[in-house]
Structures are given as structure tokens and as C-alpha cells.
Amino acid sequence: MKPNRLKRLANLKPFTSEYQPKNRRSRKGMHYAEIDIPVVIMTGDHDEIVSAKENAYRLKSALPQAELVEVKDTGHEIPQTHPEAISRALSSIRSTIAAIVH
């Protein structure tokens, strides 16, 4: 990836409700369509802090190339409760990058 591309990605605003336009019909992706690196979105199916429907699935619709992983029987703290799921996601990203580079 080119250095200027990395700089632009580093300056993207976080995916939060404050950043999204008020018109719900135009919420999809403002800058997210520019992301061209491997992305894995992880959510717990019992997350009571962050709604998967309002966040992970909406982000997935803005990043169709992303992989969405919904960890069953878990809540918000996936790295603490399911580190193996995080490890698999990182392995997936590594594999994708290796396939692109070679």
C-alpha cells in the first residue's frame, strides 16, 4: 500500500453515530468505501452494550469486502472471553495479505 494511502486511512473518522449524516438513507459508508485493506468486523450475538444490527451489520454494508464474524453466545468483551476468535480473525487477515503480496 502506498504511504499516501495509509495517511488517508489514518485520518478516517471513527464509525460512530455522531459522524453519520442525519439523513439515515445516506448513512452508508461516507469514507468507508475508500478502505481497500482486509477488514474483519467482530461482534457478539449477546452484546448488550453495542447493537450488532446498528453497528457491525451496518458497517458490513458499508464495507462489502469485509468479513463479518458474529461470535455465538458472547457479549461485548470478545478479546477477553473468546481470544481464539480474535486469533482466527487475525490469521484470516494475514492469509489475505499473504495472497495479495505473493
N, C-alpha and C. Protein backbone atom coordinates (compact mmCIF):
# COMPACT_ATOMS: atom_id res chain seq x y z
N MET A 1 0.85 -1.18 0.00
CA MET A 1 0.00 0.00 0.00
C MET A 1 0.89 1.23 0.00
N LYS A 2 0.48 2.24 -0.75
CA LYS A 2 1.25 3.46 -0.87
C LYS A 2 1.17 4.27 0.42
N PRO A 3 2.29 4.96 0.78
CA PRO A 3 2.28 5.75 2.02
C PRO A 3 1.17 6.80 2.07
N ASN A 4 0.89 7.48 0.95
CA ASN A 4 -0.17 8.49 1.00
C ASN A 4 -1.54 7.85 1.24
N ARG A 5 -1.72 6.62 0.78
CA ARG A 5 -2.97 5.88 1.03
C ARG A 5 -3.11 5.57 2.51
N LEU A 6 -2.00 5.16 3.13
CA LEU A 6 -2.02 4.88 4.57
C LEU A 6 -2.34 6.13 5.37
N LYS A 7 -1.79 7.27 4.96
CA LYS A 7 -2.07 8.53 5.66
C LYS A 7 -3.55 8.87 5.58
N ARG A 8 -4.15 8.68 4.39
CA ARG A 8 -5.58 8.96 4.25
C ARG A 8 -6.41 8.03 5.13
N LEU A 9 -6.04 6.75 5.18
CA LEU A 9 -6.77 5.81 6.02
C LEU A 9 -6.64 6.17 7.49
N ALA A 10 -5.46 6.65 7.89
CA ALA A 10 -5.24 7.02 9.29
C ALA A 10 -6.10 8.20 9.69
N ASN A 11 -6.50 9.02 8.73
CA ASN A 11 -7.30 10.21 9.03
C ASN A 11 -8.80 9.98 8.93
N LEU A 12 -9.24 8.76 8.66
CA LEU A 12 -10.68 8.49 8.59
C LEU A 12 -11.31 8.68 9.97
N LYS A 13 -12.49 9.22 9.98
CA LYS A 13 -13.22 9.38 11.23
C LYS A 13 -13.70 8.02 11.72
N PRO A 14 -13.84 7.83 13.02
CA PRO A 14 -14.37 6.56 13.53
C PRO A 14 -15.82 6.36 13.12
N PHE A 15 -16.24 5.11 13.11
CA PHE A 15 -17.60 4.76 12.72
C PHE A 15 -18.50 4.94 13.93
N THR A 16 -19.01 6.14 14.11
CA THR A 16 -19.87 6.44 15.25
C THR A 16 -21.12 7.14 14.76
N SER A 17 -22.14 7.15 15.58
CA SER A 17 -23.38 7.81 15.19
C SER A 17 -23.18 9.32 15.01
N GLU A 18 -22.24 9.92 15.77
CA GLU A 18 -22.00 11.36 15.63
C GLU A 18 -21.46 11.69 14.25
N TYR A 19 -20.71 10.77 13.68
CA TYR A 19 -20.09 11.02 12.39
C TYR A 19 -21.06 10.86 11.24
N GLN A 20 -22.10 10.08 11.43
CA GLN A 20 -23.03 9.78 10.35
C GLN A 20 -23.95 10.96 10.08
N PRO A 21 -24.33 11.13 8.81
CA PRO A 21 -25.26 12.21 8.48
C PRO A 21 -26.61 12.00 9.15
N LYS A 22 -27.34 13.05 9.34
CA LYS A 22 -28.64 12.96 9.99
C LYS A 22 -29.65 12.20 9.14
N ASN A 23 -29.51 12.28 7.83
CA ASN A 23 -30.41 11.57 6.93
C ASN A 23 -30.01 10.09 6.91
N ARG A 24 -30.81 9.23 7.52
CA ARG A 24 -30.47 7.81 7.64
C ARG A 24 -30.29 7.14 6.28
N ARG A 25 -30.97 7.62 5.25
CA ARG A 25 -30.84 6.99 3.94
C ARG A 25 -29.46 7.17 3.35
N SER A 26 -28.72 8.17 3.78
CA SER A 26 -27.39 8.41 3.22
C SER A 26 -26.27 8.01 4.19
N ARG A 27 -26.57 7.20 5.20
CA ARG A 27 -25.60 6.82 6.22
C ARG A 27 -24.47 5.95 5.69
N LYS A 28 -24.72 5.17 4.68
CA LYS A 28 -23.73 4.19 4.25
C LYS A 28 -22.42 4.83 3.91
N GLY A 29 -21.44 4.39 4.57
CA GLY A 29 -20.09 4.49 4.21
C GLY A 29 -19.33 5.73 3.91
N MET A 30 -19.72 6.89 4.11
CA MET A 30 -19.05 8.08 3.62
C MET A 30 -17.59 7.83 3.22
N HIS A 31 -16.70 7.56 4.12
CA HIS A 31 -15.30 7.31 3.80
C HIS A 31 -14.96 5.82 3.80
N TYR A 32 -15.83 5.01 4.28
CA TYR A 32 -15.52 3.59 4.41
C TYR A 32 -15.34 2.92 3.05
N ALA A 33 -15.97 3.43 2.02
CA ALA A 33 -15.81 2.86 0.68
C ALA A 33 -14.37 2.99 0.19
N GLU A 34 -13.60 3.89 0.80
CA GLU A 34 -12.20 4.08 0.41
C GLU A 34 -11.27 3.03 1.00
N ILE A 35 -11.72 2.29 1.97
CA ILE A 35 -10.86 1.30 2.62
C ILE A 35 -10.65 0.13 1.68
N ASP A 36 -9.39 -0.14 1.36
CA ASP A 36 -9.09 -1.23 0.44
C ASP A 36 -8.07 -2.21 1.05
N ILE A 37 -8.15 -2.37 2.34
CA ILE A 37 -7.31 -3.32 3.05
C ILE A 37 -8.22 -4.38 3.67
N PRO A 38 -7.68 -5.55 4.00
CA PRO A 38 -8.53 -6.57 4.62
C PRO A 38 -9.12 -6.08 5.95
N VAL A 39 -10.41 -6.35 6.14
CA VAL A 39 -11.12 -5.93 7.35
C VAL A 39 -11.93 -7.11 7.88
N VAL A 40 -11.83 -7.34 9.17
CA VAL A 40 -12.70 -8.31 9.83
C VAL A 40 -13.48 -7.54 10.90
N ILE A 41 -14.78 -7.63 10.84
CA ILE A 41 -15.66 -6.98 11.81
C ILE A 41 -16.15 -8.08 12.74
N MET A 42 -15.96 -7.88 14.04
CA MET A 42 -16.38 -8.90 15.01
C MET A 42 -17.44 -8.34 15.93
N THR A 43 -18.43 -9.18 16.22
CA THR A 43 -19.50 -8.79 17.13
C THR A 43 -19.95 -10.01 17.91
N GLY A 44 -20.44 -9.78 19.10
CA GLY A 44 -21.00 -10.86 19.90
C GLY A 44 -22.51 -10.90 19.72
N ASP A 45 -23.08 -12.09 19.64
CA ASP A 45 -24.53 -12.18 19.40
C ASP A 45 -25.36 -11.80 20.63
N HIS A 46 -24.72 -11.69 21.80
CA HIS A 46 -25.42 -11.28 23.02
C HIS A 46 -24.86 -9.97 23.58
N ASP A 47 -24.31 -9.13 22.71
CA ASP A 47 -23.73 -7.86 23.14
C ASP A 47 -24.86 -6.92 23.55
N GLU A 48 -24.88 -6.52 24.82
CA GLU A 48 -25.90 -5.62 25.32
C GLU A 48 -25.40 -4.17 25.38
N ILE A 49 -24.13 -3.97 25.03
CA ILE A 49 -23.55 -2.62 25.06
C ILE A 49 -23.63 -1.97 23.68
N VAL A 50 -23.27 -2.73 22.65
CA VAL A 50 -23.28 -2.22 21.28
C VAL A 50 -24.15 -3.14 20.43
N SER A 51 -25.17 -2.59 19.83
CA SER A 51 -26.09 -3.37 19.00
C SER A 51 -25.39 -3.83 17.72
N ALA A 52 -25.35 -5.14 17.50
CA ALA A 52 -24.74 -5.68 16.28
C ALA A 52 -25.48 -5.16 15.05
N LYS A 53 -26.79 -5.09 15.13
CA LYS A 53 -27.59 -4.62 13.99
C LYS A 53 -27.26 -3.17 13.65
N GLU A 54 -27.12 -2.33 14.67
CA GLU A 54 -26.86 -0.92 14.43
C GLU A 54 -25.38 -0.60 14.17
N ASN A 55 -24.50 -1.53 14.44
CA ASN A 55 -23.08 -1.24 14.26
C ASN A 55 -22.40 -2.21 13.31
N ALA A 56 -22.18 -3.44 13.73
CA ALA A 56 -21.42 -4.39 12.92
C ALA A 56 -22.06 -4.65 11.57
N TYR A 57 -23.36 -4.90 11.56
CA TYR A 57 -24.03 -5.21 10.29
C TYR A 57 -24.13 -3.97 9.39
N ARG A 58 -24.30 -2.82 10.00
CA ARG A 58 -24.34 -1.57 9.23
C ARG A 58 -22.97 -1.27 8.64
N LEU A 59 -21.92 -1.49 9.45
CA LEU A 59 -20.56 -1.29 8.95
C LEU A 59 -20.26 -2.27 7.82
N LYS A 60 -20.71 -3.51 7.97
CA LYS A 60 -20.52 -4.51 6.91
C LYS A 60 -21.17 -4.06 5.61
N SER A 61 -22.34 -3.45 5.70
CA SER A 61 -23.00 -2.97 4.47
C SER A 61 -22.21 -1.84 3.81
N ALA A 62 -21.45 -1.09 4.61
CA ALA A 62 -20.60 -0.03 4.06
C ALA A 62 -19.28 -0.57 3.53
N LEU A 63 -18.90 -1.76 4.00
CA LEU A 63 -17.64 -2.40 3.59
C LEU A 63 -17.95 -3.80 3.06
N PRO A 64 -18.50 -3.93 1.88
CA PRO A 64 -18.91 -5.25 1.41
C PRO A 64 -17.77 -6.26 1.31
N GLN A 65 -16.54 -5.79 1.16
CA GLN A 65 -15.40 -6.71 1.08
C GLN A 65 -14.97 -7.23 2.45
N ALA A 66 -15.50 -6.67 3.52
CA ALA A 66 -15.11 -7.07 4.87
C ALA A 66 -15.72 -8.43 5.22
N GLU A 67 -15.05 -9.10 6.13
CA GLU A 67 -15.57 -10.36 6.68
C GLU A 67 -16.26 -10.02 8.01
N LEU A 68 -17.48 -10.47 8.18
CA LEU A 68 -18.22 -10.24 9.43
C LEU A 68 -18.27 -11.54 10.21
N VAL A 69 -17.79 -11.48 11.45
CA VAL A 69 -17.80 -12.65 12.32
C VAL A 69 -18.69 -12.34 13.51
N GLU A 70 -19.76 -13.10 13.66
CA GLU A 70 -20.62 -12.97 14.83
C GLU A 70 -20.31 -14.14 15.75
N VAL A 71 -19.72 -13.84 16.91
CA VAL A 71 -19.33 -14.87 17.86
C VAL A 71 -20.56 -15.26 18.67
N LYS A 72 -20.89 -16.52 18.62
CA LYS A 72 -22.10 -17.02 19.29
C LYS A 72 -21.90 -17.08 20.81
N ASP A 73 -22.98 -16.86 21.52
CA ASP A 73 -23.02 -16.96 22.98
C ASP A 73 -21.99 -16.07 23.67
N THR A 74 -21.82 -14.87 23.16
CA THR A 74 -20.89 -13.94 23.80
C THR A 74 -21.42 -12.52 23.72
N GLY A 75 -20.87 -11.69 24.59
CA GLY A 75 -21.28 -10.30 24.66
C GLY A 75 -20.25 -9.37 24.05
N HIS A 76 -19.93 -8.31 24.79
CA HIS A 76 -19.14 -7.21 24.27
C HIS A 76 -17.63 -7.44 24.34
N GLU A 77 -17.14 -8.22 25.26
CA GLU A 77 -15.70 -8.32 25.50
C GLU A 77 -15.08 -9.53 24.80
N ILE A 78 -15.18 -9.58 23.50
CA ILE A 78 -14.71 -10.73 22.73
C ILE A 78 -13.23 -11.03 22.96
N PRO A 79 -12.33 -10.03 22.98
CA PRO A 79 -10.91 -10.37 23.21
C PRO A 79 -10.66 -11.07 24.55
N GLN A 80 -11.44 -10.72 25.57
CA GLN A 80 -11.26 -11.35 26.88
C GLN A 80 -11.95 -12.71 26.98
N THR A 81 -13.10 -12.85 26.35
CA THR A 81 -13.87 -14.07 26.51
C THR A 81 -13.64 -15.10 25.41
N HIS A 82 -13.23 -14.66 24.24
CA HIS A 82 -13.02 -15.56 23.10
C HIS A 82 -11.75 -15.17 22.34
N PRO A 83 -10.60 -15.23 22.99
CA PRO A 83 -9.35 -14.84 22.30
C PRO A 83 -9.08 -15.70 21.07
N GLU A 84 -9.58 -16.93 21.06
CA GLU A 84 -9.36 -17.80 19.89
C GLU A 84 -10.07 -17.24 18.66
N ALA A 85 -11.19 -16.56 18.84
CA ALA A 85 -11.90 -15.94 17.72
C ALA A 85 -11.08 -14.77 17.15
N ILE A 86 -10.46 -14.02 18.04
CA ILE A 86 -9.59 -12.92 17.61
C ILE A 86 -8.40 -13.49 16.84
N SER A 87 -7.82 -14.56 17.36
CA SER A 87 -6.68 -15.20 16.70
C SER A 87 -7.06 -15.67 15.29
N ARG A 88 -8.23 -16.28 15.16
CA ARG A 88 -8.69 -16.73 13.82
C ARG A 88 -8.88 -15.55 12.88
N ALA A 89 -9.43 -14.46 13.39
CA ALA A 89 -9.64 -13.27 12.56
C ALA A 89 -8.31 -12.70 12.08
N LEU A 90 -7.34 -12.64 12.98
CA LEU A 90 -6.01 -12.14 12.60
C LEU A 90 -5.34 -13.07 11.58
N SER A 91 -5.52 -14.37 11.76
CA SER A 91 -4.98 -15.34 10.79
C SER A 91 -5.62 -15.15 9.43
N SER A 92 -6.91 -14.88 9.41
CA SER A 92 -7.62 -14.64 8.16
C SER A 92 -7.05 -13.42 7.44
N ILE A 93 -6.80 -12.36 8.20
CA ILE A 93 -6.22 -11.14 7.62
C ILE A 93 -4.83 -11.43 7.09
N ARG A 94 -4.01 -12.14 7.87
CA ARG A 94 -2.66 -12.50 7.43
C ARG A 94 -2.71 -13.30 6.13
N SER A 95 -3.60 -14.27 6.06
CA SER A 95 -3.73 -15.10 4.85
C SER A 95 -4.12 -14.25 3.64
N THR A 96 -5.04 -13.35 3.84
CA THR A 96 -5.48 -12.48 2.76
C THR A 96 -4.34 -11.61 2.27
N ILE A 97 -3.59 -11.03 3.20
CA ILE A 97 -2.46 -10.18 2.83
C ILE A 97 -1.39 -11.00 2.12
N ALA A 98 -1.11 -12.19 2.63
CA ALA A 98 -0.09 -13.06 2.00
C ALA A 98 -0.48 -13.40 0.57
N ALA A 99 -1.77 -13.65 0.34
CA ALA A 99 -2.22 -13.97 -1.02
C ALA A 99 -2.08 -12.77 -1.96
N ILE A 100 -2.26 -11.57 -1.44
CA ILE A 100 -2.14 -10.36 -2.24
C ILE A 100 -0.68 -10.07 -2.56
N VAL A 101 0.18 -10.23 -1.56
CA VAL A 101 1.59 -9.88 -1.69
C VAL A 101 2.34 -10.85 -2.58
N HIS A 102 1.98 -12.11 -2.52
CA HIS A 102 2.72 -13.12 -3.29
C HIS A 102 2.08 -13.34 -4.58
